[in-house]
Amino acid sequence: MKTLMKDPLNLINVGVAGQGNVVISVLIGDALVREGYFVTLGQIYGAAQRGGPVINCLRISEKIQCSPFIPDGHAHIILGLEPVETMRMLEQFGNPEVITIVNPRPIHSIDIISTGDGYPKLDKIIKAIKELSAKTWVINATEEAQKLGNPIFANVILTGALTGSGILPLDKESLEPVLRERFPKQFEANMVAFSKGMELVRQ
């Protein structure tokens, strides 16, 4: 078992309903449990059924089963499928050491639409995310998924990016059996997407 960079290690995975960030949390959580870690998953759906944010909190430990929710200001990793939602998580859970991986594809969630203010300028959002993070990877997961033939692969690409970053004690061999079990009929396609994510984060 590899030593965690922090124990417990706090990961927040955020997106808009329908993006598949729950799948990411299940894949990562399953792989970590198979490696012998304690993993607690907490989910906050908000207005998910109406196109609102979906927040997943994973707390990972070598020693204990943690409470499911991460205290404000105590995230170690934020994986964002949507830029504005990523920024919101940084404002609430960020700190000077937080590491961020973000997909820069905007989605106009119900929260954005309801304000009537319009979507903020993307370049400013990405700049702010970088300023609030110790390290940031911008991974064009949706764009790369479309190249693979289906935007649904974006979440698996981001799973690959998170794994390839080296932040978690996981590697390709850790995720392969999890992906095979989760996607038995589309395993090969999902492995291509996963490998693309690992490649992108290492560029």
N, C-alpha and C. Protein backbone atom coordinates (compact mmCIF):
# COMPACT_ATOMS: atom_id res chain seq x y z
N MET A 1 0.84 -1.20 0.00
CA MET A 1 0.00 0.00 0.00
C MET A 1 0.88 1.25 0.00
N LYS A 2 0.63 2.15 -0.93
CA LYS A 2 1.40 3.39 -1.01
C LYS A 2 0.91 4.37 0.06
N THR A 3 1.83 5.20 0.55
CA THR A 3 1.48 6.20 1.56
C THR A 3 0.76 7.37 0.90
N LEU A 4 -0.33 7.80 1.51
CA LEU A 4 -1.09 8.94 1.00
C LEU A 4 -0.35 10.23 1.27
N MET A 5 -0.51 11.22 0.41
CA MET A 5 0.12 12.52 0.63
C MET A 5 -0.46 13.21 1.87
N LYS A 6 -1.72 12.92 2.20
CA LYS A 6 -2.40 13.36 3.42
C LYS A 6 -3.28 12.22 3.89
N ASP A 7 -3.50 12.14 5.19
CA ASP A 7 -4.40 11.11 5.70
C ASP A 7 -5.28 11.71 6.79
N PRO A 8 -6.58 11.85 6.53
CA PRO A 8 -7.28 11.43 5.32
C PRO A 8 -7.00 12.37 4.14
N LEU A 9 -7.09 11.82 2.95
CA LEU A 9 -6.95 12.58 1.72
C LEU A 9 -8.35 12.93 1.23
N ASN A 10 -8.61 14.23 1.04
CA ASN A 10 -9.95 14.71 0.72
C ASN A 10 -10.06 15.11 -0.74
N LEU A 11 -10.91 14.40 -1.47
CA LEU A 11 -11.14 14.65 -2.90
C LEU A 11 -12.57 15.11 -3.12
N ILE A 12 -12.73 16.22 -3.82
CA ILE A 12 -14.06 16.68 -4.23
C ILE A 12 -14.17 16.57 -5.73
N ASN A 13 -15.25 15.95 -6.17
CA ASN A 13 -15.53 15.74 -7.58
C ASN A 13 -16.86 16.43 -7.87
N VAL A 14 -16.84 17.46 -8.72
CA VAL A 14 -18.04 18.27 -8.91
C VAL A 14 -18.36 18.43 -10.39
N GLY A 15 -19.66 18.44 -10.69
CA GLY A 15 -20.12 18.68 -12.05
C GLY A 15 -21.58 19.06 -12.02
N VAL A 16 -22.17 19.12 -13.19
CA VAL A 16 -23.59 19.41 -13.33
C VAL A 16 -24.30 18.08 -13.59
N ALA A 17 -25.52 17.96 -13.11
CA ALA A 17 -26.27 16.72 -13.27
C ALA A 17 -26.25 16.24 -14.72
N GLY A 18 -25.94 14.97 -14.91
CA GLY A 18 -25.89 14.39 -16.24
C GLY A 18 -24.49 14.26 -16.81
N GLN A 19 -23.49 14.87 -16.15
CA GLN A 19 -22.12 14.79 -16.66
C GLN A 19 -21.41 13.49 -16.30
N GLY A 20 -21.92 12.78 -15.32
CA GLY A 20 -21.32 11.50 -14.97
C GLY A 20 -20.25 11.56 -13.90
N ASN A 21 -20.28 12.60 -13.06
CA ASN A 21 -19.23 12.65 -12.03
C ASN A 21 -19.45 11.63 -10.91
N VAL A 22 -20.69 11.16 -10.75
CA VAL A 22 -20.93 10.08 -9.78
C VAL A 22 -20.18 8.82 -10.22
N VAL A 23 -20.16 8.57 -11.52
CA VAL A 23 -19.43 7.40 -12.06
C VAL A 23 -17.95 7.52 -11.73
N ILE A 24 -17.38 8.71 -11.87
CA ILE A 24 -15.97 8.91 -11.54
C ILE A 24 -15.70 8.51 -10.10
N SER A 25 -16.55 8.99 -9.20
CA SER A 25 -16.35 8.70 -7.77
C SER A 25 -16.45 7.22 -7.48
N VAL A 26 -17.38 6.54 -8.14
CA VAL A 26 -17.54 5.09 -7.94
C VAL A 26 -16.31 4.34 -8.46
N LEU A 27 -15.82 4.72 -9.63
CA LEU A 27 -14.64 4.06 -10.20
C LEU A 27 -13.42 4.24 -9.30
N ILE A 28 -13.17 5.48 -8.90
CA ILE A 28 -12.01 5.77 -8.06
C ILE A 28 -12.16 5.12 -6.69
N GLY A 29 -13.35 5.23 -6.10
CA GLY A 29 -13.58 4.63 -4.80
C GLY A 29 -13.40 3.12 -4.81
N ASP A 30 -13.93 2.48 -5.83
CA ASP A 30 -13.83 1.03 -5.96
C ASP A 30 -12.36 0.61 -6.09
N ALA A 31 -11.61 1.33 -6.93
CA ALA A 31 -10.20 1.00 -7.13
C ALA A 31 -9.41 1.16 -5.83
N LEU A 32 -9.70 2.20 -5.07
CA LEU A 32 -8.99 2.43 -3.81
C LEU A 32 -9.31 1.36 -2.77
N VAL A 33 -10.56 0.97 -2.70
CA VAL A 33 -10.95 -0.10 -1.77
C VAL A 33 -10.23 -1.39 -2.12
N ARG A 34 -10.13 -1.69 -3.40
CA ARG A 34 -9.42 -2.91 -3.84
C ARG A 34 -7.94 -2.86 -3.47
N GLU A 35 -7.40 -1.64 -3.36
CA GLU A 35 -6.00 -1.48 -2.98
C GLU A 35 -5.81 -1.49 -1.47
N GLY A 36 -6.92 -1.57 -0.71
CA GLY A 36 -6.82 -1.71 0.74
C GLY A 36 -7.07 -0.46 1.55
N TYR A 37 -7.51 0.62 0.91
CA TYR A 37 -7.77 1.87 1.63
C TYR A 37 -9.21 1.93 2.14
N PHE A 38 -9.40 2.70 3.20
CA PHE A 38 -10.74 3.03 3.66
C PHE A 38 -11.23 4.21 2.82
N VAL A 39 -12.43 4.09 2.27
CA VAL A 39 -12.99 5.16 1.44
C VAL A 39 -14.41 5.45 1.90
N THR A 40 -14.68 6.73 2.14
CA THR A 40 -16.03 7.17 2.47
C THR A 40 -16.50 8.13 1.39
N LEU A 41 -17.69 7.89 0.87
CA LEU A 41 -18.25 8.73 -0.20
C LEU A 41 -19.47 9.47 0.32
N GLY A 42 -19.46 10.78 0.19
CA GLY A 42 -20.62 11.61 0.51
C GLY A 42 -21.07 12.35 -0.73
N GLN A 43 -22.37 12.47 -0.93
CA GLN A 43 -22.91 13.11 -2.13
C GLN A 43 -23.88 14.22 -1.76
N ILE A 44 -23.76 15.33 -2.48
CA ILE A 44 -24.67 16.47 -2.31
C ILE A 44 -25.27 16.75 -3.68
N TYR A 45 -26.56 16.58 -3.82
CA TYR A 45 -27.18 16.71 -5.14
C TYR A 45 -27.80 18.07 -5.40
N GLY A 46 -28.21 18.78 -4.37
CA GLY A 46 -28.84 20.08 -4.61
C GLY A 46 -30.01 19.95 -5.56
N ALA A 47 -30.00 20.76 -6.60
CA ALA A 47 -31.07 20.74 -7.60
C ALA A 47 -30.69 19.85 -8.78
N ALA A 48 -30.05 18.72 -8.49
CA ALA A 48 -29.50 17.87 -9.55
C ALA A 48 -30.54 17.47 -10.59
N GLN A 49 -31.74 17.15 -10.13
CA GLN A 49 -32.76 16.70 -11.07
C GLN A 49 -33.19 17.82 -12.02
N ARG A 50 -32.83 19.04 -11.69
CA ARG A 50 -33.20 20.18 -12.54
C ARG A 50 -31.98 20.80 -13.20
N GLY A 51 -30.92 20.04 -13.33
CA GLY A 51 -29.73 20.57 -13.99
C GLY A 51 -28.83 21.34 -13.07
N GLY A 52 -28.90 21.05 -11.77
CA GLY A 52 -28.04 21.73 -10.81
C GLY A 52 -26.75 20.97 -10.56
N PRO A 53 -25.91 21.48 -9.64
CA PRO A 53 -24.62 20.85 -9.37
C PRO A 53 -24.75 19.52 -8.63
N VAL A 54 -23.80 18.64 -8.87
CA VAL A 54 -23.68 17.38 -8.15
C VAL A 54 -22.27 17.34 -7.56
N ILE A 55 -22.19 17.21 -6.24
CA ILE A 55 -20.92 17.25 -5.54
C ILE A 55 -20.68 15.91 -4.86
N ASN A 56 -19.53 15.33 -5.12
CA ASN A 56 -19.14 14.08 -4.48
C ASN A 56 -17.89 14.32 -3.64
N CYS A 57 -17.94 13.90 -2.39
CA CYS A 57 -16.80 14.01 -1.49
C CYS A 57 -16.25 12.61 -1.21
N LEU A 58 -14.98 12.39 -1.51
CA LEU A 58 -14.32 11.13 -1.19
C LEU A 58 -13.25 11.40 -0.14
N ARG A 59 -13.31 10.65 0.95
CA ARG A 59 -12.31 10.76 2.00
C ARG A 59 -11.58 9.41 2.09
N ILE A 60 -10.27 9.47 1.92
CA ILE A 60 -9.46 8.28 1.74
C ILE A 60 -8.45 8.19 2.88
N SER A 61 -8.36 7.03 3.51
CA SER A 61 -7.44 6.87 4.63
C SER A 61 -6.82 5.48 4.62
N GLU A 62 -5.62 5.39 5.17
CA GLU A 62 -4.97 4.09 5.35
C GLU A 62 -5.42 3.43 6.66
N LYS A 63 -6.03 4.23 7.57
CA LYS A 63 -6.22 3.76 8.94
C LYS A 63 -7.67 3.73 9.41
N ILE A 64 -8.48 4.71 8.98
CA ILE A 64 -9.80 4.88 9.60
C ILE A 64 -10.88 5.12 8.55
N GLN A 65 -12.12 4.87 8.96
CA GLN A 65 -13.28 5.23 8.15
C GLN A 65 -13.71 6.63 8.58
N CYS A 66 -13.64 7.58 7.69
CA CYS A 66 -13.92 8.98 8.03
C CYS A 66 -15.40 9.30 7.89
N SER A 67 -15.79 10.44 8.44
CA SER A 67 -17.13 10.97 8.19
C SER A 67 -17.22 11.33 6.71
N PRO A 68 -18.44 11.36 6.14
CA PRO A 68 -18.55 11.47 4.69
C PRO A 68 -18.31 12.85 4.09
N PHE A 69 -18.37 13.90 4.88
CA PHE A 69 -18.29 15.23 4.28
C PHE A 69 -17.04 15.97 4.71
N ILE A 70 -16.49 16.71 3.76
CA ILE A 70 -15.22 17.41 3.94
C ILE A 70 -15.47 18.78 4.56
N PRO A 71 -14.73 19.15 5.61
CA PRO A 71 -14.91 20.48 6.20
C PRO A 71 -14.51 21.58 5.22
N ASP A 72 -15.13 22.74 5.33
CA ASP A 72 -14.78 23.88 4.49
C ASP A 72 -13.28 24.16 4.60
N GLY A 73 -12.66 24.44 3.45
CA GLY A 73 -11.25 24.79 3.43
C GLY A 73 -10.29 23.61 3.53
N HIS A 74 -10.80 22.38 3.45
CA HIS A 74 -9.95 21.22 3.68
C HIS A 74 -9.90 20.23 2.51
N ALA A 75 -10.19 20.67 1.30
CA ALA A 75 -10.02 19.79 0.14
C ALA A 75 -8.54 19.73 -0.23
N HIS A 76 -8.09 18.56 -0.61
CA HIS A 76 -6.73 18.41 -1.12
C HIS A 76 -6.72 18.34 -2.64
N ILE A 77 -7.79 17.79 -3.21
CA ILE A 77 -7.92 17.66 -4.67
C ILE A 77 -9.34 18.05 -5.06
N ILE A 78 -9.48 18.86 -6.09
CA ILE A 78 -10.79 19.17 -6.66
C ILE A 78 -10.76 18.78 -8.13
N LEU A 79 -11.65 17.87 -8.49
CA LEU A 79 -11.80 17.45 -9.89
C LEU A 79 -13.10 18.03 -10.39
N GLY A 80 -13.03 18.95 -11.34
CA GLY A 80 -14.21 19.66 -11.81
C GLY A 80 -14.54 19.35 -13.25
N LEU A 81 -15.77 18.90 -13.49
CA LEU A 81 -16.22 18.65 -14.85
C LEU A 81 -16.74 19.91 -15.52
N GLU A 82 -16.90 20.97 -14.73
CA GLU A 82 -17.47 22.23 -15.24
C GLU A 82 -16.77 23.38 -14.54
N PRO A 83 -16.34 24.42 -15.28
CA PRO A 83 -15.48 25.46 -14.69
C PRO A 83 -16.11 26.29 -13.56
N VAL A 84 -17.33 26.76 -13.73
CA VAL A 84 -17.94 27.58 -12.68
C VAL A 84 -18.15 26.77 -11.41
N GLU A 85 -18.61 25.53 -11.57
CA GLU A 85 -18.81 24.68 -10.39
C GLU A 85 -17.47 24.38 -9.71
N THR A 86 -16.41 24.24 -10.50
CA THR A 86 -15.08 24.05 -9.93
C THR A 86 -14.68 25.26 -9.11
N MET A 87 -14.95 26.44 -9.64
CA MET A 87 -14.62 27.68 -8.93
C MET A 87 -15.38 27.78 -7.62
N ARG A 88 -16.62 27.39 -7.63
CA ARG A 88 -17.43 27.42 -6.40
C ARG A 88 -16.84 26.51 -5.34
N MET A 89 -16.38 25.33 -5.76
CA MET A 89 -15.78 24.41 -4.79
C MET A 89 -14.48 24.96 -4.23
N LEU A 90 -13.70 25.63 -5.07
CA LEU A 90 -12.47 26.25 -4.59
C LEU A 90 -12.76 27.34 -3.56
N GLU A 91 -13.80 28.11 -3.80
CA GLU A 91 -14.14 29.18 -2.87
C GLU A 91 -14.56 28.63 -1.51
N GLN A 92 -15.22 27.47 -1.51
CA GLN A 92 -15.69 26.90 -0.25
C GLN A 92 -14.68 25.96 0.41
N PHE A 93 -14.03 25.12 -0.39
CA PHE A 93 -13.21 24.06 0.17
C PHE A 93 -11.71 24.24 -0.09
N GLY A 94 -11.34 25.25 -0.88
CA GLY A 94 -9.95 25.43 -1.27
C GLY A 94 -9.06 25.92 -0.14
N ASN A 95 -7.76 25.82 -0.39
CA ASN A 95 -6.73 26.28 0.53
C ASN A 95 -5.45 26.43 -0.29
N PRO A 96 -4.38 26.99 0.27
CA PRO A 96 -3.18 27.24 -0.54
C PRO A 96 -2.53 25.99 -1.12
N GLU A 97 -2.87 24.79 -0.61
CA GLU A 97 -2.22 23.57 -1.09
C GLU A 97 -3.10 22.75 -2.03
N VAL A 98 -4.29 23.22 -2.33
CA VAL A 98 -5.23 22.40 -3.10
C VAL A 98 -4.75 22.22 -4.54
N ILE A 99 -4.98 21.02 -5.08
CA ILE A 99 -4.64 20.69 -6.47
C ILE A 99 -5.94 20.55 -7.25
N THR A 100 -6.00 21.14 -8.44
CA THR A 100 -7.23 21.17 -9.20
C THR A 100 -7.04 20.60 -10.60
N ILE A 101 -8.00 19.78 -11.01
CA ILE A 101 -8.09 19.31 -12.39
C ILE A 101 -9.45 19.77 -12.90
N VAL A 102 -9.48 20.48 -14.02
CA VAL A 102 -10.74 21.05 -14.50
C VAL A 102 -10.94 20.82 -15.98
N ASN A 103 -12.15 20.43 -16.33
CA ASN A 103 -12.59 20.35 -17.72
C ASN A 103 -13.16 21.73 -18.08
N PRO A 104 -12.60 22.42 -19.08
CA PRO A 104 -13.00 23.81 -19.34
C PRO A 104 -14.27 23.97 -20.19
N ARG A 105 -15.08 22.94 -20.29
CA ARG A 105 -16.30 23.02 -21.11
C ARG A 105 -17.44 23.59 -20.26
N PRO A 106 -17.93 24.81 -20.58
CA PRO A 106 -19.01 25.41 -19.78
C PRO A 106 -20.35 24.70 -19.99
N ILE A 107 -21.10 24.60 -18.93
CA ILE A 107 -22.49 24.14 -18.99
C ILE A 107 -23.32 25.14 -18.19
N HIS A 108 -24.37 25.62 -18.80
CA HIS A 108 -25.22 26.61 -18.14
C HIS A 108 -26.19 25.89 -17.21
N SER A 109 -25.77 25.70 -15.97
CA SER A 109 -26.60 25.00 -15.00
C SER A 109 -27.80 25.86 -14.62
N ILE A 110 -28.73 25.25 -13.91
CA ILE A 110 -29.93 25.97 -13.48
C ILE A 110 -29.57 27.15 -12.58
N ASP A 111 -28.49 27.01 -11.81
CA ASP A 111 -28.06 28.11 -10.94
C ASP A 111 -27.61 29.32 -11.75
N ILE A 112 -26.91 29.08 -12.84
CA ILE A 112 -26.45 30.18 -13.70
C ILE A 112 -27.64 30.82 -14.41
N ILE A 113 -28.51 29.98 -14.96
CA ILE A 113 -29.66 30.49 -15.71
C ILE A 113 -30.58 31.32 -14.82
N SER A 114 -30.75 30.86 -13.57
CA SER A 114 -31.71 31.53 -12.68
C SER A 114 -31.27 32.92 -12.26
N THR A 115 -29.96 33.19 -12.27
CA THR A 115 -29.50 34.52 -11.86
C THR A 115 -29.75 35.57 -12.93
N GLY A 116 -29.79 35.14 -14.20
CA GLY A 116 -29.98 36.08 -15.30
C GLY A 116 -28.74 36.88 -15.63
N ASP A 117 -27.61 36.57 -15.00
CA ASP A 117 -26.38 37.33 -15.22
C ASP A 117 -25.56 36.83 -16.40
N GLY A 118 -25.89 35.65 -16.92
CA GLY A 118 -25.11 35.08 -18.00
C GLY A 118 -23.89 34.36 -17.47
N TYR A 119 -23.26 33.58 -18.34
CA TYR A 119 -22.09 32.80 -17.93
C TYR A 119 -20.86 33.71 -17.89
N PRO A 120 -20.06 33.62 -16.82
CA PRO A 120 -18.84 34.44 -16.75
C PRO A 120 -17.88 34.10 -17.88
N LYS A 121 -16.97 35.02 -18.19
CA LYS A 121 -15.98 34.77 -19.24
C LYS A 121 -15.07 33.61 -18.82
N LEU A 122 -14.95 32.65 -19.73
CA LEU A 122 -14.24 31.43 -19.41
C LEU A 122 -12.78 31.68 -19.06
N ASP A 123 -12.11 32.56 -19.80
CA ASP A 123 -10.70 32.80 -19.53
C ASP A 123 -10.48 33.36 -18.13
N LYS A 124 -11.43 34.17 -17.65
CA LYS A 124 -11.31 34.72 -16.30
C LYS A 124 -11.53 33.65 -15.24
N ILE A 125 -12.46 32.74 -15.52
CA ILE A 125 -12.71 31.65 -14.57
C ILE A 125 -11.48 30.75 -14.46
N ILE A 126 -10.89 30.38 -15.59
CA ILE A 126 -9.72 29.51 -15.58
C ILE A 126 -8.55 30.21 -14.88
N LYS A 127 -8.38 31.50 -15.14
CA LYS A 127 -7.31 32.27 -14.49
C LYS A 127 -7.50 32.26 -12.97
N ALA A 128 -8.74 32.46 -12.52
CA ALA A 128 -9.02 32.48 -11.09
C ALA A 128 -8.78 31.10 -10.46
N ILE A 129 -9.16 30.04 -11.17
CA ILE A 129 -8.93 28.68 -10.67
C ILE A 129 -7.44 28.44 -10.47
N LYS A 130 -6.64 28.87 -11.43
CA LYS A 130 -5.18 28.68 -11.32
C LYS A 130 -4.61 29.49 -10.16
N GLU A 131 -5.14 30.69 -9.96
CA GLU A 131 -4.64 31.54 -8.88
C GLU A 131 -4.98 30.98 -7.51
N LEU A 132 -6.08 30.25 -7.41
CA LEU A 132 -6.53 29.72 -6.13
C LEU A 132 -6.00 28.30 -5.85
N SER A 133 -5.23 27.76 -6.77
CA SER A 133 -4.74 26.39 -6.63
C SER A 133 -3.22 26.35 -6.58
N ALA A 134 -2.68 25.40 -5.84
CA ALA A 134 -1.24 25.21 -5.82
C ALA A 134 -0.76 24.67 -7.17
N LYS A 135 -1.60 23.82 -7.80
CA LYS A 135 -1.31 23.28 -9.13
C LYS A 135 -2.63 23.05 -9.83
N THR A 136 -2.66 23.34 -11.13
CA THR A 136 -3.88 23.16 -11.92
C THR A 136 -3.57 22.46 -13.23
N TRP A 137 -4.38 21.46 -13.54
CA TRP A 137 -4.37 20.85 -14.87
C TRP A 137 -5.68 21.20 -15.56
N VAL A 138 -5.61 21.76 -16.75
CA VAL A 138 -6.79 22.01 -17.56
C VAL A 138 -6.85 20.92 -18.61
N ILE A 139 -7.84 20.05 -18.50
CA ILE A 139 -7.96 18.87 -19.35
C ILE A 139 -9.21 19.01 -20.22
N ASN A 140 -9.02 19.12 -21.53
CA ASN A 140 -10.15 19.29 -22.45
C ASN A 140 -10.86 17.95 -22.69
N ALA A 141 -11.49 17.47 -21.63
CA ALA A 141 -12.06 16.12 -21.66
C ALA A 141 -13.22 16.00 -22.64
N THR A 142 -14.10 16.99 -22.66
CA THR A 142 -15.26 16.92 -23.56
C THR A 142 -14.80 16.93 -25.02
N GLU A 143 -13.87 17.80 -25.34
CA GLU A 143 -13.34 17.89 -26.70
C GLU A 143 -12.69 16.57 -27.12
N GLU A 144 -11.90 16.00 -26.22
CA GLU A 144 -11.22 14.74 -26.54
C GLU A 144 -12.22 13.59 -26.66
N ALA A 145 -13.26 13.62 -25.82
CA ALA A 145 -14.30 12.58 -25.89
C ALA A 145 -15.03 12.63 -27.22
N GLN A 146 -15.28 13.83 -27.71
CA GLN A 146 -15.95 13.97 -29.00
C GLN A 146 -15.08 13.40 -30.12
N LYS A 147 -13.77 13.56 -30.00
CA LYS A 147 -12.85 12.98 -30.99
C LYS A 147 -12.92 11.45 -30.96
N LEU A 148 -13.21 10.90 -29.79
CA LEU A 148 -13.33 9.45 -29.66
C LEU A 148 -14.70 8.95 -30.10
N GLY A 149 -15.59 9.88 -30.44
CA GLY A 149 -16.88 9.48 -30.99
C GLY A 149 -18.07 9.65 -30.09
N ASN A 150 -17.85 10.03 -28.81
CA ASN A 150 -18.98 10.16 -27.90
C ASN A 150 -18.58 11.02 -26.70
N PRO A 151 -19.29 12.16 -26.47
CA PRO A 151 -18.93 13.02 -25.33
C PRO A 151 -19.10 12.36 -23.98
N ILE A 152 -19.79 11.22 -23.93
CA ILE A 152 -19.99 10.52 -22.67
C ILE A 152 -18.68 10.01 -22.09
N PHE A 153 -17.64 9.89 -22.94
CA PHE A 153 -16.35 9.41 -22.46
C PHE A 153 -15.58 10.46 -21.64
N ALA A 154 -16.10 11.67 -21.54
CA ALA A 154 -15.38 12.74 -20.83
C ALA A 154 -15.08 12.36 -19.39
N ASN A 155 -16.05 11.72 -18.72
CA ASN A 155 -15.81 11.39 -17.32
C ASN A 155 -14.72 10.33 -17.16
N VAL A 156 -14.62 9.39 -18.09
CA VAL A 156 -13.57 8.37 -18.02
C VAL A 156 -12.21 9.00 -18.37
N ILE A 157 -12.20 9.94 -19.29
CA ILE A 157 -10.96 10.68 -19.59
C ILE A 157 -10.47 11.40 -18.34
N LEU A 158 -11.38 12.02 -17.60
CA LEU A 158 -10.99 12.72 -16.37
C LEU A 158 -10.56 11.75 -15.29
N THR A 159 -11.15 10.57 -15.26
CA THR A 159 -10.69 9.53 -14.34
C THR A 159 -9.25 9.16 -14.66
N GLY A 160 -8.95 9.05 -15.95
CA GLY A 160 -7.58 8.78 -16.37
C GLY A 160 -6.63 9.91 -16.01
N ALA A 161 -7.09 11.14 -16.17
CA ALA A 161 -6.25 12.29 -15.82
C ALA A 161 -5.94 12.31 -14.32
N LEU A 162 -6.95 12.06 -13.51
CA LEU A 162 -6.75 12.03 -12.06
C LEU A 162 -5.77 10.92 -11.68
N THR A 163 -5.92 9.76 -12.29
CA THR A 163 -5.02 8.65 -12.02
C THR A 163 -3.60 8.96 -12.49
N GLY A 164 -3.50 9.52 -13.69
CA GLY A 164 -2.20 9.83 -14.26
C GLY A 164 -1.46 10.96 -13.57
N SER A 165 -2.18 11.78 -12.82
CA SER A 165 -1.55 12.91 -12.12
C SER A 165 -0.60 12.44 -11.02
N GLY A 166 -0.80 11.22 -10.53
CA GLY A 166 0.04 10.71 -9.46
C GLY A 166 -0.38 11.17 -8.07
N ILE A 167 -1.48 11.90 -7.97
CA ILE A 167 -1.94 12.40 -6.68
C ILE A 167 -2.49 11.25 -5.83
N LEU A 168 -3.20 10.34 -6.48
CA LEU A 168 -3.78 9.20 -5.78
C LEU A 168 -2.86 7.99 -5.90
N PRO A 169 -2.94 7.07 -4.95
CA PRO A 169 -2.10 5.87 -5.00
C PRO A 169 -2.68 4.82 -5.95
N LEU A 170 -2.92 5.23 -7.19
CA LEU A 170 -3.53 4.37 -8.19
C LEU A 170 -2.74 4.45 -9.49
N ASP A 171 -2.90 3.44 -10.33
CA ASP A 171 -2.29 3.45 -11.65
C ASP A 171 -3.22 2.75 -12.63
N LYS A 172 -2.77 2.60 -13.84
CA LYS A 172 -3.60 1.99 -14.88
C LYS A 172 -4.04 0.58 -14.49
N GLU A 173 -3.13 -0.17 -13.87
CA GLU A 173 -3.44 -1.54 -13.46
C GLU A 173 -4.52 -1.57 -12.38
N SER A 174 -4.58 -0.51 -11.56
CA SER A 174 -5.60 -0.43 -10.51
C SER A 174 -6.99 -0.24 -11.09
N LEU A 175 -7.07 0.53 -12.17
CA LEU A 175 -8.38 0.88 -12.73
C LEU A 175 -8.88 -0.12 -13.77
N GLU A 176 -7.98 -0.85 -14.38
CA GLU A 176 -8.40 -1.75 -15.47
C GLU A 176 -9.49 -2.73 -15.04
N PRO A 177 -9.35 -3.46 -13.91
CA PRO A 177 -10.42 -4.40 -13.54
C PRO A 177 -11.72 -3.69 -13.17
N VAL A 178 -11.62 -2.48 -12.64
CA VAL A 178 -12.81 -1.71 -12.27
C VAL A 178 -13.57 -1.30 -13.53
N LEU A 179 -12.85 -0.82 -14.53
CA LEU A 179 -13.47 -0.43 -15.79
C LEU A 179 -14.07 -1.64 -16.50
N ARG A 180 -13.37 -2.77 -16.43
CA ARG A 180 -13.87 -3.98 -17.08
C ARG A 180 -15.19 -4.42 -16.44
N GLU A 181 -15.28 -4.30 -15.13
CA GLU A 181 -16.49 -4.70 -14.41
C GLU A 181 -17.63 -3.72 -14.66
N ARG A 182 -17.29 -2.43 -14.69
CA ARG A 182 -18.31 -1.39 -14.85
C ARG A 182 -18.85 -1.33 -16.29
N PHE A 183 -17.95 -1.52 -17.27
CA PHE A 183 -18.33 -1.38 -18.68
C PHE A 183 -17.98 -2.66 -19.45
N PRO A 184 -18.59 -3.79 -19.14
CA PRO A 184 -18.19 -5.05 -19.78
C PRO A 184 -18.36 -5.05 -21.30
N LYS A 185 -19.35 -4.34 -21.80
CA LYS A 185 -19.60 -4.35 -23.25
C LYS A 185 -18.81 -3.26 -23.98
N GLN A 186 -18.32 -2.28 -23.25
CA GLN A 186 -17.56 -1.19 -23.87
C GLN A 186 -16.23 -1.00 -23.18
N PHE A 187 -15.67 -2.10 -22.71
CA PHE A 187 -14.42 -2.00 -21.96
C PHE A 187 -13.29 -1.40 -22.79
N GLU A 188 -13.09 -1.89 -24.00
CA GLU A 188 -11.98 -1.42 -24.82
C GLU A 188 -12.08 0.07 -25.11
N ALA A 189 -13.28 0.53 -25.45
CA ALA A 189 -13.48 1.96 -25.73
C ALA A 189 -13.20 2.81 -24.49
N ASN A 190 -13.63 2.32 -23.34
CA ASN A 190 -13.39 3.06 -22.11
C ASN A 190 -11.92 3.04 -21.70
N MET A 191 -11.22 1.97 -22.00
CA MET A 191 -9.79 1.94 -21.73
C MET A 191 -9.04 2.93 -22.62
N VAL A 192 -9.50 3.09 -23.85
CA VAL A 192 -8.90 4.10 -24.74
C VAL A 192 -9.11 5.50 -24.15
N ALA A 193 -10.32 5.77 -23.66
CA ALA A 193 -10.62 7.07 -23.06
C ALA A 193 -9.79 7.28 -21.80
N PHE A 194 -9.70 6.26 -20.96
CA PHE A 194 -8.90 6.35 -19.74
C PHE A 194 -7.44 6.64 -20.05
N SER A 195 -6.89 5.93 -21.02
CA SER A 195 -5.48 6.11 -21.41
C SER A 195 -5.26 7.51 -21.98
N LYS A 196 -6.25 8.04 -22.69
CA LYS A 196 -6.15 9.41 -23.22
C LYS A 196 -6.04 10.41 -22.07
N GLY A 197 -6.83 10.21 -21.02
CA GLY A 197 -6.75 11.10 -19.86
C GLY A 197 -5.39 11.05 -19.20
N MET A 198 -4.82 9.87 -19.07
CA MET A 198 -3.48 9.73 -18.49
C MET A 198 -2.44 10.45 -19.36
N GLU A 199 -2.61 10.33 -20.66
CA GLU A 199 -1.70 10.99 -21.60
C GLU A 199 -1.80 12.51 -21.49
N LEU A 200 -3.01 13.03 -21.41
CA LEU A 200 -3.22 14.48 -21.38
C LEU A 200 -2.61 15.12 -20.13
N VAL A 201 -2.74 14.47 -19.00
CA VAL A 201 -2.25 15.08 -17.76
C VAL A 201 -0.72 15.06 -17.69
N ARG A 202 -0.11 14.21 -18.49
CA ARG A 202 1.35 14.11 -18.47
C ARG A 202 2.02 14.93 -19.54
N GLN A 203 1.25 15.61 -20.37
CA GLN A 203 1.82 16.44 -21.43
C GLN A 203 2.41 17.74 -20.84
